[in-house]
């Protein structure tokens, strides 16, 4: 007999996760829970472990120790379910340069098994203001437009969890503002968002919660507006390093 109690929406979780690359400890004993409606700014200096954390959450990298759980189940025991629940944008777009924007998105939609691929592709083309470039080969696009295509692909299958690594890279002011608005609406849709950026003001305009990393370790996890000065200085150092480079 079916239960009258509604099933809880899934969570994505790291449990005491460490990740090593040879002698490098990219993550050390990190535990993190991402729930529907969460909007999380992932903050820290270059080399803090932000990209590694997102790659581990997305199933693209396996932890050296610890577990990654989706709704209490190890993501690697059912990778298909995890991939359908997660949309991920990385530093590298992994787009096919010899295919058009539309072809890239339709190919991704078929991989996700979407029933109405053409309709859904049309929707994300409009959402990310790409309709005029739909028949352009990706290799001919600027970095900013390639970023928009990458974002469109991440949103294409309507995932429950959006993991965005420096999503504002290459975007102009208008595109950044549009993306921020889209990201803010995710909370009301019951979706979870976790994204990294070195620009704290940019992140604070979207996120309610902040997770700060330094040296692969979790330094702060709490409301953005209550973040201690030390956690903010972590990101400031990263911006200073970038300026020097």
Foldseek 3Di string as FASTA:
>chain_A
DDDPDDDAAKKKWWALFWADDVPATLAGGDIDIWFFLAQEEEFFAPSLNQQVVLCCSLVVDPTPDTAIDIRRHGCVVPVLVSNLQEFEDDPDLPFDQQAFLQVRQLVLCVVNVPPPSVVLSVVLCVLQVNPVRRRPGNNPDDPQVSLSSSVSNSPSSPHQEYEYEQSCPPHDPVSLVSVLVVLQCSSVVRGTYYYYDLDLVSSLSRGQWYWAGGSNYTDDTGGSVPDDPVRNVRSVVNVVVVVVD
